[in-house]
Amino acid sequence: MEQANTQNSTINYASILIANNGNLKDSNNHLDELSDLINALVVYHDDYFNISSFYYSKVTEALVLAKDSGIATASTVESQAIEFKKLSNDANNAFKAAINLPGLIDSKQLIRFSAKVL
């Protein structure tokens, strides 16, 4: 094997690995794809919280407008604001609990620096 993969007195071990373990290159490609998926998930995760924050601010503005225009009483607006804040926090906490983003990012770093074979 070494003789067949020797050029200018230098053994090309990479070609030996590829010739005998072609699936290593495929594995690396899959690891790259996994890393890309994690990157996309990070973007979607951040987008979710940006949209959630924007939605919360708009609902809060609507409640204040309802109070200021006399559509709802101050106590009704206050109770609705408290309930909405609780629901918003519960949803955000459930989303954070469902996706262990710090763990995924750590795993991606391990893939990037130690798991790749070629």
N, C-alpha and C. Protein backbone atom coordinates (compact mmCIF):
# COMPACT_ATOMS: atom_id res chain seq x y z
N MET A 1 0.82 -1.18 0.00
CA MET A 1 0.00 0.00 0.00
C MET A 1 0.87 1.26 0.00
N GLU A 2 1.87 1.27 0.87
CA GLU A 2 2.73 2.45 0.95
C GLU A 2 3.50 2.65 -0.35
N GLN A 3 3.95 1.55 -0.96
CA GLN A 3 4.69 1.67 -2.22
C GLN A 3 3.80 2.24 -3.32
N ALA A 4 2.57 1.81 -3.36
CA ALA A 4 1.65 2.28 -4.39
C ALA A 4 1.30 3.76 -4.20
N ASN A 5 1.44 4.26 -2.99
CA ASN A 5 1.09 5.65 -2.69
C ASN A 5 2.31 6.50 -2.33
N THR A 6 3.45 6.16 -2.91
CA THR A 6 4.68 6.92 -2.67
C THR A 6 5.03 7.71 -3.92
N GLN A 7 5.30 9.00 -3.71
CA GLN A 7 5.73 9.86 -4.79
C GLN A 7 6.92 10.68 -4.28
N ASN A 8 8.00 10.67 -5.05
CA ASN A 8 9.21 11.42 -4.67
C ASN A 8 9.68 11.06 -3.26
N SER A 9 9.70 9.78 -2.95
CA SER A 9 10.13 9.25 -1.65
C SER A 9 9.25 9.70 -0.49
N THR A 10 8.05 10.17 -0.78
CA THR A 10 7.12 10.61 0.27
C THR A 10 5.85 9.78 0.17
N ILE A 11 5.48 9.21 1.30
CA ILE A 11 4.26 8.40 1.34
C ILE A 11 3.07 9.33 1.55
N ASN A 12 2.07 9.17 0.69
CA ASN A 12 0.87 9.98 0.77
C ASN A 12 -0.19 9.21 1.57
N TYR A 13 -0.17 9.44 2.90
CA TYR A 13 -1.09 8.70 3.77
C TYR A 13 -2.54 9.13 3.56
N ALA A 14 -2.75 10.34 3.15
CA ALA A 14 -4.13 10.80 2.89
C ALA A 14 -4.77 9.98 1.79
N SER A 15 -4.02 9.70 0.73
CA SER A 15 -4.59 8.90 -0.36
C SER A 15 -4.84 7.46 0.09
N ILE A 16 -4.00 6.95 1.00
CA ILE A 16 -4.24 5.60 1.54
C ILE A 16 -5.55 5.59 2.33
N LEU A 17 -5.74 6.61 3.16
CA LEU A 17 -6.97 6.68 3.94
C LEU A 17 -8.20 6.78 3.05
N ILE A 18 -8.10 7.63 2.04
CA ILE A 18 -9.24 7.81 1.13
C ILE A 18 -9.52 6.54 0.35
N ALA A 19 -8.46 5.88 -0.12
CA ALA A 19 -8.64 4.66 -0.91
C ALA A 19 -9.25 3.55 -0.08
N ASN A 20 -8.85 3.44 1.18
CA ASN A 20 -9.32 2.34 2.01
C ASN A 20 -10.50 2.71 2.89
N ASN A 21 -10.72 3.96 3.07
CA ASN A 21 -11.81 4.41 3.93
C ASN A 21 -12.54 5.58 3.26
N GLY A 22 -13.10 5.32 2.12
CA GLY A 22 -13.77 6.38 1.37
C GLY A 22 -14.89 7.03 2.15
N ASN A 23 -15.44 6.29 3.10
CA ASN A 23 -16.55 6.86 3.87
C ASN A 23 -16.09 7.94 4.84
N LEU A 24 -14.78 8.08 5.08
CA LEU A 24 -14.29 9.15 5.95
C LEU A 24 -14.61 10.51 5.36
N LYS A 25 -14.43 10.63 4.05
CA LYS A 25 -14.75 11.90 3.39
C LYS A 25 -16.25 12.18 3.49
N ASP A 26 -17.06 11.14 3.30
CA ASP A 26 -18.50 11.32 3.46
C ASP A 26 -18.85 11.71 4.90
N SER A 27 -18.18 11.10 5.86
CA SER A 27 -18.42 11.44 7.26
C SER A 27 -18.10 12.90 7.53
N ASN A 28 -16.98 13.35 6.99
CA ASN A 28 -16.62 14.76 7.15
C ASN A 28 -17.66 15.67 6.52
N ASN A 29 -18.16 15.27 5.36
CA ASN A 29 -19.20 16.07 4.70
C ASN A 29 -20.46 16.14 5.56
N HIS A 30 -20.81 15.01 6.18
CA HIS A 30 -21.99 14.99 7.05
C HIS A 30 -21.76 15.85 8.29
N LEU A 31 -20.54 15.84 8.82
CA LEU A 31 -20.24 16.70 9.97
C LEU A 31 -20.33 18.17 9.58
N ASP A 32 -19.87 18.50 8.37
CA ASP A 32 -20.01 19.88 7.89
C ASP A 32 -21.48 20.26 7.75
N GLU A 33 -22.30 19.34 7.23
CA GLU A 33 -23.73 19.60 7.10
C GLU A 33 -24.38 19.81 8.46
N LEU A 34 -23.98 18.98 9.44
CA LEU A 34 -24.51 19.13 10.79
C LEU A 34 -24.13 20.48 11.38
N SER A 35 -22.90 20.89 11.16
CA SER A 35 -22.44 22.20 11.63
C SER A 35 -23.26 23.32 10.98
N ASP A 36 -23.53 23.19 9.69
CA ASP A 36 -24.35 24.19 8.99
C ASP A 36 -25.78 24.23 9.54
N LEU A 37 -26.33 23.06 9.86
CA LEU A 37 -27.68 23.01 10.43
C LEU A 37 -27.72 23.68 11.80
N ILE A 38 -26.67 23.47 12.60
CA ILE A 38 -26.61 24.12 13.90
C ILE A 38 -26.54 25.63 13.73
N ASN A 39 -25.74 26.09 12.76
CA ASN A 39 -25.66 27.53 12.49
C ASN A 39 -27.03 28.09 12.11
N ALA A 40 -27.76 27.36 11.27
CA ALA A 40 -29.10 27.81 10.87
C ALA A 40 -30.04 27.84 12.08
N LEU A 41 -29.93 26.84 12.93
CA LEU A 41 -30.78 26.80 14.12
C LEU A 41 -30.50 27.98 15.04
N VAL A 42 -29.23 28.37 15.15
CA VAL A 42 -28.87 29.54 15.97
C VAL A 42 -29.56 30.79 15.41
N VAL A 43 -29.56 30.93 14.10
CA VAL A 43 -30.21 32.09 13.47
C VAL A 43 -31.71 32.06 13.74
N TYR A 44 -32.35 30.89 13.55
CA TYR A 44 -33.79 30.79 13.78
C TYR A 44 -34.12 31.02 15.26
N HIS A 45 -33.28 30.53 16.13
CA HIS A 45 -33.45 30.72 17.58
C HIS A 45 -33.45 32.22 17.91
N ASP A 46 -32.46 32.92 17.39
CA ASP A 46 -32.37 34.37 17.62
C ASP A 46 -33.57 35.10 17.00
N ASP A 47 -33.97 34.67 15.80
CA ASP A 47 -35.14 35.28 15.15
C ASP A 47 -36.39 35.10 15.99
N TYR A 48 -36.56 33.91 16.57
CA TYR A 48 -37.74 33.66 17.40
C TYR A 48 -37.82 34.68 18.53
N PHE A 49 -36.70 34.89 19.22
CA PHE A 49 -36.73 35.80 20.36
C PHE A 49 -36.88 37.26 19.92
N ASN A 50 -36.34 37.60 18.77
CA ASN A 50 -36.56 38.96 18.24
C ASN A 50 -38.03 39.19 17.91
N ILE A 51 -38.63 38.21 17.25
CA ILE A 51 -40.05 38.32 16.90
C ILE A 51 -40.92 38.31 18.15
N SER A 52 -40.58 37.46 19.10
CA SER A 52 -41.34 37.40 20.35
C SER A 52 -41.29 38.74 21.09
N SER A 53 -40.11 39.33 21.14
CA SER A 53 -39.95 40.62 21.80
C SER A 53 -40.74 41.72 21.08
N PHE A 54 -40.68 41.70 19.75
CA PHE A 54 -41.43 42.68 18.95
C PHE A 54 -42.93 42.52 19.18
N TYR A 55 -43.41 41.28 19.16
CA TYR A 55 -44.83 41.01 19.37
C TYR A 55 -45.27 41.48 20.76
N TYR A 56 -44.45 41.18 21.77
CA TYR A 56 -44.76 41.60 23.14
C TYR A 56 -44.88 43.12 23.22
N SER A 57 -43.96 43.82 22.58
CA SER A 57 -44.00 45.29 22.64
C SER A 57 -45.24 45.83 21.92
N LYS A 58 -45.64 45.21 20.81
CA LYS A 58 -46.83 45.68 20.08
C LYS A 58 -48.11 45.42 20.88
N VAL A 59 -48.20 44.27 21.53
CA VAL A 59 -49.38 43.99 22.35
C VAL A 59 -49.45 44.96 23.53
N THR A 60 -48.29 45.24 24.12
CA THR A 60 -48.25 46.20 25.23
C THR A 60 -48.68 47.58 24.76
N GLU A 61 -48.21 48.00 23.59
CA GLU A 61 -48.64 49.28 23.02
C GLU A 61 -50.15 49.31 22.79
N ALA A 62 -50.70 48.20 22.30
CA ALA A 62 -52.14 48.13 22.05
C ALA A 62 -52.92 48.23 23.36
N LEU A 63 -52.42 47.61 24.41
CA LEU A 63 -53.10 47.70 25.71
C LEU A 63 -53.08 49.13 26.24
N VAL A 64 -51.95 49.80 26.11
CA VAL A 64 -51.85 51.20 26.55
C VAL A 64 -52.79 52.07 25.72
N LEU A 65 -52.85 51.83 24.42
CA LEU A 65 -53.75 52.59 23.55
C LEU A 65 -55.21 52.36 23.94
N ALA A 66 -55.55 51.11 24.28
CA ALA A 66 -56.92 50.80 24.70
C ALA A 66 -57.26 51.56 25.98
N LYS A 67 -56.31 51.64 26.89
CA LYS A 67 -56.54 52.38 28.14
C LYS A 67 -56.67 53.88 27.87
N ASP A 68 -55.74 54.41 27.06
CA ASP A 68 -55.74 55.85 26.77
C ASP A 68 -56.98 56.30 26.01
N SER A 69 -57.51 55.44 25.17
CA SER A 69 -58.69 55.82 24.38
C SER A 69 -60.00 55.49 25.09
N GLY A 70 -59.91 54.93 26.28
CA GLY A 70 -61.11 54.65 27.06
C GLY A 70 -61.81 53.36 26.69
N ILE A 71 -61.21 52.54 25.85
CA ILE A 71 -61.82 51.27 25.47
C ILE A 71 -61.79 50.28 26.63
N ALA A 72 -60.72 50.35 27.44
CA ALA A 72 -60.58 49.44 28.57
C ALA A 72 -60.16 50.24 29.80
N THR A 73 -60.55 49.72 30.95
CA THR A 73 -60.17 50.40 32.20
C THR A 73 -58.70 50.11 32.51
N ALA A 74 -58.14 50.94 33.37
CA ALA A 74 -56.74 50.77 33.75
C ALA A 74 -56.50 49.43 34.43
N SER A 75 -57.45 49.01 35.26
CA SER A 75 -57.28 47.72 35.96
C SER A 75 -57.36 46.55 34.98
N THR A 76 -58.23 46.64 33.99
CA THR A 76 -58.32 45.58 32.97
C THR A 76 -57.03 45.50 32.17
N VAL A 77 -56.52 46.66 31.77
CA VAL A 77 -55.28 46.69 31.00
C VAL A 77 -54.13 46.13 31.83
N GLU A 78 -54.09 46.51 33.10
CA GLU A 78 -53.01 46.03 33.97
C GLU A 78 -53.07 44.51 34.13
N SER A 79 -54.26 43.98 34.37
CA SER A 79 -54.38 42.52 34.54
C SER A 79 -54.06 41.79 33.23
N GLN A 80 -54.49 42.34 32.11
CA GLN A 80 -54.17 41.73 30.81
C GLN A 80 -52.66 41.77 30.54
N ALA A 81 -52.03 42.89 30.89
CA ALA A 81 -50.58 43.02 30.69
C ALA A 81 -49.82 42.01 31.53
N ILE A 82 -50.25 41.82 32.78
CA ILE A 82 -49.60 40.84 33.66
C ILE A 82 -49.78 39.43 33.10
N GLU A 83 -51.00 39.12 32.68
CA GLU A 83 -51.27 37.78 32.13
C GLU A 83 -50.46 37.54 30.85
N PHE A 84 -50.41 38.55 29.99
CA PHE A 84 -49.67 38.40 28.73
C PHE A 84 -48.18 38.24 28.98
N LYS A 85 -47.64 39.00 29.93
CA LYS A 85 -46.22 38.89 30.26
C LYS A 85 -45.90 37.48 30.76
N LYS A 86 -46.79 36.93 31.61
CA LYS A 86 -46.58 35.57 32.12
C LYS A 86 -46.61 34.56 30.98
N LEU A 87 -47.60 34.68 30.09
CA LEU A 87 -47.69 33.77 28.95
C LEU A 87 -46.46 33.88 28.05
N SER A 88 -46.01 35.09 27.82
CA SER A 88 -44.83 35.32 26.99
C SER A 88 -43.59 34.70 27.62
N ASN A 89 -43.42 34.92 28.92
CA ASN A 89 -42.27 34.33 29.61
C ASN A 89 -42.32 32.81 29.61
N ASP A 90 -43.51 32.25 29.83
CA ASP A 90 -43.67 30.79 29.81
C ASP A 90 -43.30 30.22 28.44
N ALA A 91 -43.77 30.88 27.38
CA ALA A 91 -43.47 30.41 26.02
C ALA A 91 -41.97 30.49 25.73
N ASN A 92 -41.35 31.59 26.12
CA ASN A 92 -39.91 31.74 25.88
C ASN A 92 -39.10 30.73 26.68
N ASN A 93 -39.50 30.49 27.93
CA ASN A 93 -38.80 29.51 28.76
C ASN A 93 -38.96 28.10 28.20
N ALA A 94 -40.16 27.78 27.70
CA ALA A 94 -40.38 26.46 27.10
C ALA A 94 -39.53 26.29 25.85
N PHE A 95 -39.42 27.35 25.06
CA PHE A 95 -38.60 27.29 23.85
C PHE A 95 -37.14 27.07 24.20
N LYS A 96 -36.65 27.81 25.22
CA LYS A 96 -35.26 27.64 25.66
C LYS A 96 -35.02 26.23 26.18
N ALA A 97 -36.00 25.68 26.91
CA ALA A 97 -35.85 24.34 27.48
C ALA A 97 -35.88 23.27 26.40
N ALA A 98 -36.62 23.51 25.33
CA ALA A 98 -36.75 22.52 24.26
C ALA A 98 -35.48 22.39 23.43
N ILE A 99 -34.73 23.48 23.33
CA ILE A 99 -33.52 23.47 22.50
C ILE A 99 -32.34 23.88 23.37
N ASN A 100 -31.43 22.94 23.60
CA ASN A 100 -30.24 23.22 24.39
C ASN A 100 -29.20 23.87 23.48
N LEU A 101 -29.41 25.15 23.19
CA LEU A 101 -28.53 25.84 22.24
C LEU A 101 -27.08 25.90 22.70
N PRO A 102 -26.79 26.21 23.96
CA PRO A 102 -25.38 26.21 24.37
C PRO A 102 -24.72 24.84 24.18
N GLY A 103 -25.45 23.77 24.46
CA GLY A 103 -24.91 22.43 24.25
C GLY A 103 -24.65 22.14 22.78
N LEU A 104 -25.56 22.58 21.91
CA LEU A 104 -25.35 22.39 20.48
C LEU A 104 -24.14 23.16 19.98
N ILE A 105 -23.98 24.38 20.46
CA ILE A 105 -22.83 25.19 20.04
C ILE A 105 -21.53 24.56 20.52
N ASP A 106 -21.52 24.05 21.75
CA ASP A 106 -20.33 23.35 22.25
C ASP A 106 -20.02 22.12 21.41
N SER A 107 -21.06 21.37 21.06
CA SER A 107 -20.87 20.18 20.23
C SER A 107 -20.33 20.55 18.85
N LYS A 108 -20.83 21.67 18.32
CA LYS A 108 -20.35 22.13 17.02
C LYS A 108 -18.87 22.46 17.09
N GLN A 109 -18.45 23.08 18.17
CA GLN A 109 -17.03 23.40 18.34
C GLN A 109 -16.20 22.12 18.41
N LEU A 110 -16.71 21.11 19.10
CA LEU A 110 -15.99 19.83 19.16
C LEU A 110 -15.87 19.21 17.78
N ILE A 111 -16.94 19.27 17.01
CA ILE A 111 -16.91 18.74 15.64
C ILE A 111 -15.88 19.51 14.83
N ARG A 112 -15.92 20.81 14.98
CA ARG A 112 -15.05 21.66 14.17
C ARG A 112 -13.57 21.42 14.47
N PHE A 113 -13.24 21.19 15.74
CA PHE A 113 -11.83 21.13 16.11
C PHE A 113 -11.29 19.73 16.36
N SER A 114 -12.16 18.74 16.60
CA SER A 114 -11.59 17.44 16.93
C SER A 114 -12.20 16.25 16.20
N ALA A 115 -13.40 16.36 15.71
CA ALA A 115 -14.06 15.20 15.14
C ALA A 115 -13.72 14.96 13.68
N LYS A 116 -13.32 16.01 12.99
CA LYS A 116 -13.05 15.83 11.56
C LYS A 116 -11.80 14.99 11.37
N VAL A 117 -11.86 14.06 10.43
CA VAL A 117 -10.78 13.11 10.24
C VAL A 117 -9.83 13.48 9.12
N LEU A 118 -10.30 14.18 8.14
CA LEU A 118 -9.42 14.55 7.02
C LEU A 118 -9.41 16.04 6.83
